[in-house]
């Protein structure tokens, strides 16, 4: 596999990062993940804007988030991929000593890799997953897409032990997001998802934004508001969104079926609309200027 490291495309065996890199020592960095279908990157500009926000909030300087799309394209070409996932991370860099506060001006470490993924033709229906609820034990700055994911991983390990694939997290009685996804519910035919600017804090999900755009295109009423934990129990449908999976139906919550235990009509309609929107973007990107 060919990877990107600090401006160069290398064989993964030739890519080396200092043991004093702050990403390794402290998880001091941020990341993004892009989904490509037949060479078309879904929401590349939105991902670049979110990366710029993460870098700014983390106070990491020296890398231009606008390079994200070009790096992704280089990696796909180097690995002969048309359908894939590109992961990029930026750490604060490596110092001469281990110090919580850097003692010198650092050059960020930029690493990226591309892995194969299924084509758009393979996405025929929303994935059905089981989820659990959990009190959110992570830090509050969830809008930073940080490398420090121990809290998320512990929630996912607990979910896995309960036979689930995601944990819907809540604080002070209100739902925020999943350990690796954004969430939404359906009640009375209306899509409801939590806000990004209120507590509990959530990631500014690009797939969440695509879901809301799909709802507008499909004529499905949508509402952005705080969601109480007890609303999950009575929801007609639950769903989670991520760049890798678009939208998945949460068919069981804490061991109890959601609705009839299958992907509901609103989730299926939103999945179909998101696929239509991606295919439209693919056609537009393939058209001559």
C-alpha atoms as a PDB file:
ATOM      1  CA  UNK A   1       0.000   0.000   0.000  1.00  0.00           C
ATOM      2  CA  UNK A   2       1.178   3.506  -0.844  1.00  0.00           C
ATOM      3  CA  UNK A   3       0.743   6.166   1.842  1.00  0.00           C
ATOM      4  CA  UNK A   4       1.236   9.927   2.081  1.00  0.00           C
ATOM      5  CA  UNK A   5       3.673  11.289   4.643  1.00  0.00           C
ATOM      6  CA  UNK A   6       4.766  14.896   4.891  1.00  0.00           C
ATOM      7  CA  UNK A   7       4.459  15.691   1.208  1.00  0.00           C
ATOM      8  CA  UNK A   8       5.630  12.379  -0.276  1.00  0.00           C
ATOM      9  CA  UNK A   9       3.959   9.202  -1.530  1.00  0.00           C
ATOM     10  CA  UNK A  10       5.782   6.205  -0.044  1.00  0.00           C
ATOM     11  CA  UNK A  11       5.429   2.487   0.341  1.00  0.00           C
ATOM     12  CA  UNK A  12       3.971   1.937   3.802  1.00  0.00           C
ATOM     13  CA  UNK A  13       7.129  -0.013   4.800  1.00  0.00           C
ATOM     14  CA  UNK A  14       9.219   3.073   4.077  1.00  0.00           C
ATOM     15  CA  UNK A  15       7.021   5.516   6.011  1.00  0.00           C
ATOM     16  CA  UNK A  16       8.480   6.338   9.421  1.00  0.00           C
ATOM     17  CA  UNK A  17       7.297   8.727  12.135  1.00  0.00           C
ATOM     18  CA  UNK A  18       9.350   9.842  15.131  1.00  0.00           C
ATOM     19  CA  UNK A  19       8.640   8.195  18.485  1.00  0.00           C
ATOM     20  CA  UNK A  20       8.613  11.750  19.841  1.00  0.00           C
ATOM     21  CA  UNK A  21       5.693  12.714  17.612  1.00  0.00           C
ATOM     22  CA  UNK A  22       2.961  14.241  19.749  1.00  0.00           C
ATOM     23  CA  UNK A  23       0.301  12.187  18.020  1.00  0.00           C
ATOM     24  CA  UNK A  24       1.997   9.046  19.360  1.00  0.00           C
ATOM     25  CA  UNK A  25       2.803  10.454  22.805  1.00  0.00           C
ATOM     26  CA  UNK A  26      -0.336  12.477  23.526  1.00  0.00           C
ATOM     27  CA  UNK A  27      -2.912  11.827  20.795  1.00  0.00           C
ATOM     28  CA  UNK A  28      -2.253  15.479  19.983  1.00  0.00           C
ATOM     29  CA  UNK A  29      -3.735  15.764  16.514  1.00  0.00           C
ATOM     30  CA  UNK A  30      -6.860  15.775  14.363  1.00  0.00           C
ATOM     31  CA  UNK A  31      -8.141  13.695  11.466  1.00  0.00           C
ATOM     32  CA  UNK A  32     -10.620  13.461   8.598  1.00  0.00           C
ATOM     33  CA  UNK A  33     -12.064  10.610   6.573  1.00  0.00           C
ATOM     34  CA  UNK A  34     -13.311  10.910   2.978  1.00  0.00           C
ATOM     35  CA  UNK A  35     -15.490   8.495   1.017  1.00  0.00           C
ATOM     36  CA  UNK A  36     -14.914   8.086  -2.730  1.00  0.00           C
ATOM     37  CA  UNK A  37     -17.219   6.441  -5.264  1.00  0.00           C
ATOM     38  CA  UNK A  38     -15.743   5.847  -8.719  1.00  0.00           C
ATOM     39  CA  UNK A  39     -13.275   8.659  -8.117  1.00  0.00           C
ATOM     40  CA  UNK A  40     -15.895  11.091  -6.803  1.00  0.00           C
ATOM     41  CA  UNK A  41     -15.257  12.427  -3.300  1.00  0.00           C
ATOM     42  CA  UNK A  42     -18.415  12.956  -1.250  1.00  0.00           C
ATOM     43  CA  UNK A  43     -18.422  16.379   0.397  1.00  0.00           C
ATOM     44  CA  UNK A  44     -14.704  17.061  -0.015  1.00  0.00           C
ATOM     45  CA  UNK A  45     -15.116  20.790   0.558  1.00  0.00           C
ATOM     46  CA  UNK A  46     -17.205  20.197   3.685  1.00  0.00           C
ATOM     47  CA  UNK A  47     -14.556  17.824   5.043  1.00  0.00           C
ATOM     48  CA  UNK A  48     -11.836  20.398   4.318  1.00  0.00           C
ATOM     49  CA  UNK A  49     -13.811  23.085   6.175  1.00  0.00           C
ATOM     50  CA  UNK A  50     -14.275  20.762   9.152  1.00  0.00           C
ATOM     51  CA  UNK A  51     -10.577  19.886   9.126  1.00  0.00           C
ATOM     52  CA  UNK A  52      -9.719  23.597   9.122  1.00  0.00           C
ATOM     53  CA  UNK A  53     -12.058  24.063  12.094  1.00  0.00           C
ATOM     54  CA  UNK A  54     -10.464  21.170  13.986  1.00  0.00           C
ATOM     55  CA  UNK A  55      -6.971  22.502  13.300  1.00  0.00           C
ATOM     56  CA  UNK A  56      -7.972  25.971  14.465  1.00  0.00           C
ATOM     57  CA  UNK A  57      -9.656  24.752  17.650  1.00  0.00           C
ATOM     58  CA  UNK A  58      -6.692  22.471  18.391  1.00  0.00           C
ATOM     59  CA  UNK A  59      -4.306  25.375  17.647  1.00  0.00           C
ATOM     60  CA  UNK A  60      -2.262  23.299  15.216  1.00  0.00           C
ATOM     61  CA  UNK A  61      -0.532  25.486  12.624  1.00  0.00           C
ATOM     62  CA  UNK A  62       1.468  24.776   9.493  1.00  0.00           C
ATOM     63  CA  UNK A  63      -0.936  22.718   7.365  1.00  0.00           C
ATOM     64  CA  UNK A  64      -3.529  24.052   4.929  1.00  0.00           C
ATOM     65  CA  UNK A  65      -6.745  22.010   5.171  1.00  0.00           C
ATOM     66  CA  UNK A  66      -7.524  22.981   1.561  1.00  0.00           C
ATOM     67  CA  UNK A  67      -4.882  20.415   0.496  1.00  0.00           C
ATOM     68  CA  UNK A  68      -7.111  17.560   1.696  1.00  0.00           C
ATOM     69  CA  UNK A  69      -8.727  16.853  -1.676  1.00  0.00           C
ATOM     70  CA  UNK A  70      -5.453  16.941  -3.613  1.00  0.00           C
ATOM     71  CA  UNK A  71      -3.775  14.562  -1.165  1.00  0.00           C
ATOM     72  CA  UNK A  72      -6.717  12.188  -1.366  1.00  0.00           C
ATOM     73  CA  UNK A  73      -6.582  12.210  -5.167  1.00  0.00           C
ATOM     74  CA  UNK A  74      -2.822  11.494  -5.123  1.00  0.00           C
ATOM     75  CA  UNK A  75      -3.362   8.521  -2.814  1.00  0.00           C
ATOM     76  CA  UNK A  76      -6.212   7.039  -4.830  1.00  0.00           C
ATOM     77  CA  UNK A  77      -4.160   7.289  -8.014  1.00  0.00           C
ATOM     78  CA  UNK A  78      -1.056   5.834  -6.344  1.00  0.00           C
ATOM     79  CA  UNK A  79      -3.037   2.832  -5.119  1.00  0.00           C
ATOM     80  CA  UNK A  80      -5.101   2.378  -8.285  1.00  0.00           C
ATOM     81  CA  UNK A  81      -8.375   2.948  -6.439  1.00  0.00           C
ATOM     82  CA  UNK A  82     -11.654   4.399  -7.657  1.00  0.00           C
ATOM     83  CA  UNK A  83     -13.830   3.303  -4.727  1.00  0.00           C
ATOM     84  CA  UNK A  84     -12.267   3.812  -1.350  1.00  0.00           C
ATOM     85  CA  UNK A  85     -11.856   5.578   1.961  1.00  0.00           C
ATOM     86  CA  UNK A  86      -9.112   8.138   2.536  1.00  0.00           C
ATOM     87  CA  UNK A  87      -7.989   8.776   6.110  1.00  0.00           C
ATOM     88  CA  UNK A  88      -5.802  11.805   6.871  1.00  0.00           C
ATOM     89  CA  UNK A  89      -4.382  12.905  10.209  1.00  0.00           C
ATOM     90  CA  UNK A  90      -2.367  15.922  11.256  1.00  0.00           C
ATOM     91  CA  UNK A  91      -0.415  15.952  14.511  1.00  0.00           C
ATOM     92  CA  UNK A  92       1.240  18.921  16.144  1.00  0.00           C
ATOM     93  CA  UNK A  93       4.590  17.378  15.205  1.00  0.00           C
ATOM     94  CA  UNK A  94       7.645  15.958  16.948  1.00  0.00           C
ATOM     95  CA  UNK A  95       9.735  17.839  19.494  1.00  0.00           C
ATOM     96  CA  UNK A  96      13.234  17.158  20.749  1.00  0.00           C
ATOM     97  CA  UNK A  97      11.879  16.120  24.162  1.00  0.00           C
ATOM     98  CA  UNK A  98       8.599  14.891  25.599  1.00  0.00           C
ATOM     99  CA  UNK A  99       6.875  17.950  27.032  1.00  0.00           C
ATOM    100  CA  UNK A 100       3.179  18.574  27.614  1.00  0.00           C
ATOM    101  CA  UNK A 101       3.571  22.124  26.321  1.00  0.00           C
ATOM    102  CA  UNK A 102       5.851  22.299  23.265  1.00  0.00           C
ATOM    103  CA  UNK A 103       9.167  23.967  24.015  1.00  0.00           C
ATOM    104  CA  UNK A 104       9.756  24.920  20.391  1.00  0.00           C
ATOM    105  CA  UNK A 105       7.860  25.727  17.199  1.00  0.00           C
ATOM    106  CA  UNK A 106       6.913  22.413  15.601  1.00  0.00           C
ATOM    107  CA  UNK A 107       6.235  21.309  12.041  1.00  0.00           C
ATOM    108  CA  UNK A 108       3.033  19.254  11.879  1.00  0.00           C
ATOM    109  CA  UNK A 109       3.186  15.614  10.822  1.00  0.00           C
ATOM    110  CA  UNK A 110       0.728  14.901   7.995  1.00  0.00           C
ATOM    111  CA  UNK A 111      -0.124  11.270   7.252  1.00  0.00           C
ATOM    112  CA  UNK A 112      -2.795   9.813   4.978  1.00  0.00           C
ATOM    113  CA  UNK A 113      -3.783   6.415   3.617  1.00  0.00           C
ATOM    114  CA  UNK A 114      -6.373   5.042   1.188  1.00  0.00           C
ATOM    115  CA  UNK A 115      -8.160   1.701   1.520  1.00  0.00           C
ATOM    116  CA  UNK A 116     -10.644  -0.030  -0.812  1.00  0.00           C
ATOM    117  CA  UNK A 117     -14.381   0.230  -0.177  1.00  0.00           C
ATOM    118  CA  UNK A 118     -17.529  -0.980  -1.900  1.00  0.00           C
ATOM    119  CA  UNK A 119     -18.833   0.862  -4.993  1.00  0.00           C
ATOM    120  CA  UNK A 120     -22.065   2.829  -5.006  1.00  0.00           C
ATOM    121  CA  UNK A 121     -23.789  -0.088  -6.770  1.00  0.00           C
ATOM    122  CA  UNK A 122     -23.259  -2.234  -3.665  1.00  0.00           C
ATOM    123  CA  UNK A 123     -25.169   0.210  -1.459  1.00  0.00           C
ATOM    124  CA  UNK A 124     -28.693  -1.013  -2.060  1.00  0.00           C
ATOM    125  CA  UNK A 125     -30.278  -0.525   1.393  1.00  0.00           C
ATOM    126  CA  UNK A 126     -29.376   0.993   4.747  1.00  0.00           C
ATOM    127  CA  UNK A 127     -27.330  -1.250   7.009  1.00  0.00           C
ATOM    128  CA  UNK A 128     -29.263  -2.475  10.045  1.00  0.00           C
ATOM    129  CA  UNK A 129     -27.390  -2.198  13.341  1.00  0.00           C
ATOM    130  CA  UNK A 130     -28.026  -2.679  17.047  1.00  0.00           C
ATOM    131  CA  UNK A 131     -27.225   0.168  19.418  1.00  0.00           C
ATOM    132  CA  UNK A 132     -27.108   0.790  23.156  1.00  0.00           C
ATOM    133  CA  UNK A 133     -27.368   3.948  25.217  1.00  0.00           C
ATOM    134  CA  UNK A 134     -24.591   5.157  27.515  1.00  0.00           C
ATOM    135  CA  UNK A 135     -23.773   8.140  29.693  1.00  0.00           C
ATOM    136  CA  UNK A 136     -21.193  10.128  27.719  1.00  0.00           C
ATOM    137  CA  UNK A 137     -17.841   9.976  29.542  1.00  0.00           C
ATOM    138  CA  UNK A 138     -15.786  11.802  26.893  1.00  0.00           C
ATOM    139  CA  UNK A 139     -14.464  15.354  26.954  1.00  0.00           C
ATOM    140  CA  UNK A 140     -16.698  18.248  25.922  1.00  0.00           C
ATOM    141  CA  UNK A 141     -14.929  19.477  22.767  1.00  0.00           C
ATOM    142  CA  UNK A 142     -16.614  16.930  20.506  1.00  0.00           C
ATOM    143  CA  UNK A 143     -16.576  19.344  17.563  1.00  0.00           C
ATOM    144  CA  UNK A 144     -12.810  18.733  17.274  1.00  0.00           C
ATOM    145  CA  UNK A 145     -12.216  15.564  15.268  1.00  0.00           C
ATOM    146  CA  UNK A 146      -9.335  14.616  17.533  1.00  0.00           C
ATOM    147  CA  UNK A 147      -7.032  11.600  17.482  1.00  0.00           C
ATOM    148  CA  UNK A 148      -7.685  11.174  21.220  1.00  0.00           C
ATOM    149  CA  UNK A 149     -10.452   8.587  20.856  1.00  0.00           C
ATOM    150  CA  UNK A 150      -9.971   6.484  23.995  1.00  0.00           C
ATOM    151  CA  UNK A 151     -13.349   7.555  25.378  1.00  0.00           C
ATOM    152  CA  UNK A 152     -15.063   6.602  22.114  1.00  0.00           C
ATOM    153  CA  UNK A 153     -13.253   3.271  21.986  1.00  0.00           C
ATOM    154  CA  UNK A 154     -14.249   2.362  25.550  1.00  0.00           C
ATOM    155  CA  UNK A 155     -17.887   3.071  24.690  1.00  0.00           C
ATOM    156  CA  UNK A 156     -17.589   0.887  21.592  1.00  0.00           C
ATOM    157  CA  UNK A 157     -15.985  -1.941  23.563  1.00  0.00           C
ATOM    158  CA  UNK A 158     -18.904  -1.815  26.003  1.00  0.00           C
ATOM    159  CA  UNK A 159     -21.372  -1.812  23.105  1.00  0.00           C
ATOM    160  CA  UNK A 160     -19.643  -4.785  21.506  1.00  0.00           C
ATOM    161  CA  UNK A 161     -19.842  -6.708  24.785  1.00  0.00           C
ATOM    162  CA  UNK A 162     -23.621  -6.190  24.643  1.00  0.00           C
ATOM    163  CA  UNK A 163     -23.889  -7.405  21.046  1.00  0.00           C
ATOM    164  CA  UNK A 164     -24.255  -3.905  19.603  1.00  0.00           C
ATOM    165  CA  UNK A 165     -22.152  -1.946  17.113  1.00  0.00           C
ATOM    166  CA  UNK A 166     -22.709   1.623  18.343  1.00  0.00           C
ATOM    167  CA  UNK A 167     -23.411   3.516  21.558  1.00  0.00           C
ATOM    168  CA  UNK A 168     -25.806   6.472  21.570  1.00  0.00           C
ATOM    169  CA  UNK A 169     -24.328   8.858  24.126  1.00  0.00           C
ATOM    170  CA  UNK A 170     -26.173  11.246  26.424  1.00  0.00           C
ATOM    171  CA  UNK A 171     -25.410  13.862  29.069  1.00  0.00           C
ATOM    172  CA  UNK A 172     -27.724  15.377  31.665  1.00  0.00           C
ATOM    173  CA  UNK A 173     -30.711  13.583  30.143  1.00  0.00           C
ATOM    174  CA  UNK A 174     -30.140  14.741  26.556  1.00  0.00           C
ATOM    175  CA  UNK A 175     -28.834  12.758  23.574  1.00  0.00           C
ATOM    176  CA  UNK A 176     -25.724  13.945  21.745  1.00  0.00           C
ATOM    177  CA  UNK A 177     -24.216  11.568  19.202  1.00  0.00           C
ATOM    178  CA  UNK A 178     -22.854   8.072  18.781  1.00  0.00           C
ATOM    179  CA  UNK A 179     -19.322   6.953  19.597  1.00  0.00           C
ATOM    180  CA  UNK A 180     -18.458   7.057  15.868  1.00  0.00           C
ATOM    181  CA  UNK A 181     -21.545   8.606  14.288  1.00  0.00           C
ATOM    182  CA  UNK A 182     -24.242  11.264  14.441  1.00  0.00           C
ATOM    183  CA  UNK A 183     -27.778  10.157  15.265  1.00  0.00           C
ATOM    184  CA  UNK A 184     -31.342  11.028  14.347  1.00  0.00           C
ATOM    185  CA  UNK A 185     -34.791   9.675  15.096  1.00  0.00           C
ATOM    186  CA  UNK A 186     -38.163   9.655  13.414  1.00  0.00           C
ATOM    187  CA  UNK A 187     -41.387  10.414  15.233  1.00  0.00           C
ATOM    188  CA  UNK A 188     -44.712  10.946  13.488  1.00  0.00           C
ATOM    189  CA  UNK A 189     -42.986  10.985  10.092  1.00  0.00           C
ATOM    190  CA  UNK A 190     -40.678  13.831  11.158  1.00  0.00           C
ATOM    191  CA  UNK A 191     -36.876  13.546  11.216  1.00  0.00           C
ATOM    192  CA  UNK A 192     -35.295  14.933  14.390  1.00  0.00           C
ATOM    193  CA  UNK A 193     -31.573  15.387  15.050  1.00  0.00           C
ATOM    194  CA  UNK A 194     -29.677  17.249  17.814  1.00  0.00           C
ATOM    195  CA  UNK A 195     -28.180  20.708  17.209  1.00  0.00           C
ATOM    196  CA  UNK A 196     -24.439  21.266  16.838  1.00  0.00           C
ATOM    197  CA  UNK A 197     -24.287  24.505  18.842  1.00  0.00           C
ATOM    198  CA  UNK A 198     -25.888  23.403  22.123  1.00  0.00           C
ATOM    199  CA  UNK A 199     -25.171  20.868  24.852  1.00  0.00           C
ATOM    200  CA  UNK A 200     -24.492  18.012  24.624  1.00  0.00           C
ATOM    201  CA  UNK A 201     -21.674  18.849  22.184  1.00  0.00           C
ATOM    202  CA  UNK A 202     -21.547  16.863  18.949  1.00  0.00           C
ATOM    203  CA  UNK A 203     -19.329  16.574  15.894  1.00  0.00           C
ATOM    204  CA  UNK A 204     -20.279  18.736  12.920  1.00  0.00           C
ATOM    205  CA  UNK A 205     -20.982  15.616  10.851  1.00  0.00           C
ATOM    206  CA  UNK A 206     -20.803  15.925   7.069  1.00  0.00           C
ATOM    207  CA  UNK A 207     -23.075  12.876   6.651  1.00  0.00           C
ATOM    208  CA  UNK A 208     -25.488  14.503   9.116  1.00  0.00           C
ATOM    209  CA  UNK A 209     -25.592  17.563   6.837  1.00  0.00           C
ATOM    210  CA  UNK A 210     -26.144  15.270   3.832  1.00  0.00           C
ATOM    211  CA  UNK A 211     -28.997  13.566   5.693  1.00  0.00           C
ATOM    212  CA  UNK A 212     -30.725  16.896   6.302  1.00  0.00           C
ATOM    213  CA  UNK A 213     -30.221  17.851   2.641  1.00  0.00           C
ATOM    214  CA  UNK A 214     -31.714  14.495   1.606  1.00  0.00           C
ATOM    215  CA  UNK A 215     -34.725  15.142   3.844  1.00  0.00           C
ATOM    216  CA  UNK A 216     -35.337  18.487   2.123  1.00  0.00           C
ATOM    217  CA  UNK A 217     -35.016  16.896  -1.321  1.00  0.00           C
ATOM    218  CA  UNK A 218     -37.346  14.021  -0.408  1.00  0.00           C
ATOM    219  CA  UNK A 219     -39.942  16.286   1.196  1.00  0.00           C
ATOM    220  CA  UNK A 220     -39.490  14.755   4.650  1.00  0.00           C
ATOM    221  CA  UNK A 221     -40.056  17.298   7.433  1.00  0.00           C
ATOM    222  CA  UNK A 222     -36.984  17.738   9.626  1.00  0.00           C
ATOM    223  CA  UNK A 223     -36.375  19.392  12.959  1.00  0.00           C
ATOM    224  CA  UNK A 224     -33.117  20.260  14.729  1.00  0.00           C
ATOM    225  CA  UNK A 225     -33.619  20.335  18.485  1.00  0.00           C
ATOM    226  CA  UNK A 226     -32.448  18.793  21.724  1.00  0.00           C
ATOM    227  CA  UNK A 227     -33.583  15.197  22.202  1.00  0.00           C
ATOM    228  CA  UNK A 228     -34.333  13.700  25.611  1.00  0.00           C
ATOM    229  CA  UNK A 229     -33.078  10.171  26.276  1.00  0.00           C
ATOM    230  CA  UNK A 230     -36.594   8.886  26.940  1.00  0.00           C
ATOM    231  CA  UNK A 231     -37.621   9.944  23.418  1.00  0.00           C
ATOM    232  CA  UNK A 232     -35.398   7.205  22.022  1.00  0.00           C
ATOM    233  CA  UNK A 233     -37.613   4.536  23.560  1.00  0.00           C
ATOM    234  CA  UNK A 234     -40.724   5.784  21.806  1.00  0.00           C
ATOM    235  CA  UNK A 235     -39.186   6.654  18.455  1.00  0.00           C
ATOM    236  CA  UNK A 236     -40.693   5.146  15.301  1.00  0.00           C
ATOM    237  CA  UNK A 237     -37.205   4.872  13.771  1.00  0.00           C
ATOM    238  CA  UNK A 238     -33.620   5.474  14.868  1.00  0.00           C
ATOM    239  CA  UNK A 239     -30.663   5.986  12.551  1.00  0.00           C
ATOM    240  CA  UNK A 240     -26.974   6.823  12.617  1.00  0.00           C
ATOM    241  CA  UNK A 241     -24.936   8.610   9.968  1.00  0.00           C
ATOM    242  CA  UNK A 242     -21.255   8.478   9.030  1.00  0.00           C
ATOM    243  CA  UNK A 243     -19.167   9.169   5.940  1.00  0.00           C
ATOM    244  CA  UNK A 244     -18.360   5.492   5.515  1.00  0.00           C
ATOM    245  CA  UNK A 245     -21.923   4.122   5.783  1.00  0.00           C
ATOM    246  CA  UNK A 246     -24.112   7.126   4.791  1.00  0.00           C
ATOM    247  CA  UNK A 247     -27.116   6.253   6.979  1.00  0.00           C
ATOM    248  CA  UNK A 248     -27.775   3.042   8.911  1.00  0.00           C
ATOM    249  CA  UNK A 249     -30.976   1.924  10.620  1.00  0.00           C
ATOM    250  CA  UNK A 250     -30.712   1.269  14.358  1.00  0.00           C
ATOM    251  CA  UNK A 251     -33.147  -1.628  14.628  1.00  0.00           C
ATOM    252  CA  UNK A 252     -32.566  -2.489  18.295  1.00  0.00           C
ATOM    253  CA  UNK A 253     -31.939  -0.205  21.273  1.00  0.00           C
ATOM    254  CA  UNK A 254     -30.615  -1.687  24.515  1.00  0.00           C
ATOM    255  CA  UNK A 255     -31.845  -5.094  23.409  1.00  0.00           C
ATOM    256  CA  UNK A 256     -35.377  -3.938  22.497  1.00  0.00           C
ATOM    257  CA  UNK A 257     -36.554  -3.716  18.864  1.00  0.00           C
ATOM    258  CA  UNK A 258     -37.060  -0.248  17.419  1.00  0.00           C
ATOM    259  CA  UNK A 259     -40.403  -0.207  15.593  1.00  0.00           C
ATOM    260  CA  UNK A 260     -40.807  -3.566  13.900  1.00  0.00           C
ATOM    261  CA  UNK A 261     -37.092  -4.298  14.202  1.00  0.00           C
ATOM    262  CA  UNK A 262     -36.335  -3.484  10.558  1.00  0.00           C
ATOM    263  CA  UNK A 263     -35.158  -0.406   8.670  1.00  0.00           C
ATOM    264  CA  UNK A 264     -38.153   1.941   8.603  1.00  0.00           C
ATOM    265  CA  UNK A 265     -39.685   3.744   5.609  1.00  0.00           C
ATOM    266  CA  UNK A 266     -38.175   7.151   6.410  1.00  0.00           C
ATOM    267  CA  UNK A 267     -34.677   5.688   6.867  1.00  0.00           C
ATOM    268  CA  UNK A 268     -35.010   3.798   3.584  1.00  0.00           C
ATOM    269  CA  UNK A 269     -36.240   6.915   1.783  1.00  0.00           C
ATOM    270  CA  UNK A 270     -33.384   9.016   3.152  1.00  0.00           C
ATOM    271  CA  UNK A 271     -30.828   6.353   2.216  1.00  0.00           C
ATOM    272  CA  UNK A 272     -32.235   6.247  -1.319  1.00  0.00           C
ATOM    273  CA  UNK A 273     -32.139  10.050  -1.606  1.00  0.00           C
ATOM    274  CA  UNK A 274     -28.565  10.216  -0.309  1.00  0.00           C
ATOM    275  CA  UNK A 275     -27.553   7.669  -2.932  1.00  0.00           C
ATOM    276  CA  UNK A 276     -29.344   9.688  -5.639  1.00  0.00           C
ATOM    277  CA  UNK A 277     -27.506  12.824  -4.485  1.00  0.00           C
ATOM    278  CA  UNK A 278     -24.135  11.034  -4.612  1.00  0.00           C
ATOM    279  CA  UNK A 279     -24.840   9.647  -8.073  1.00  0.00           C
ATOM    280  CA  UNK A 280     -25.774  13.145  -9.261  1.00  0.00           C
ATOM    281  CA  UNK A 281     -22.462  14.441  -7.914  1.00  0.00           C
ATOM    282  CA  UNK A 282     -20.614  11.607  -9.672  1.00  0.00           C
ATOM    283  CA  UNK A 283     -22.242  12.483 -12.991  1.00  0.00           C
ATOM    284  CA  UNK A 284     -21.507  16.172 -12.581  1.00  0.00           C
ATOM    285  CA  UNK A 285     -17.856  15.529 -11.750  1.00  0.00           C
ATOM    286  CA  UNK A 286     -17.497  13.287 -14.795  1.00  0.00           C
ATOM    287  CA  UNK A 287     -19.005  15.846 -17.184  1.00  0.00           C
ATOM    288  CA  UNK A 288     -16.577  17.926 -19.258  1.00  0.00           C
ATOM    289  CA  UNK A 289     -16.213  21.519 -18.101  1.00  0.00           C
END
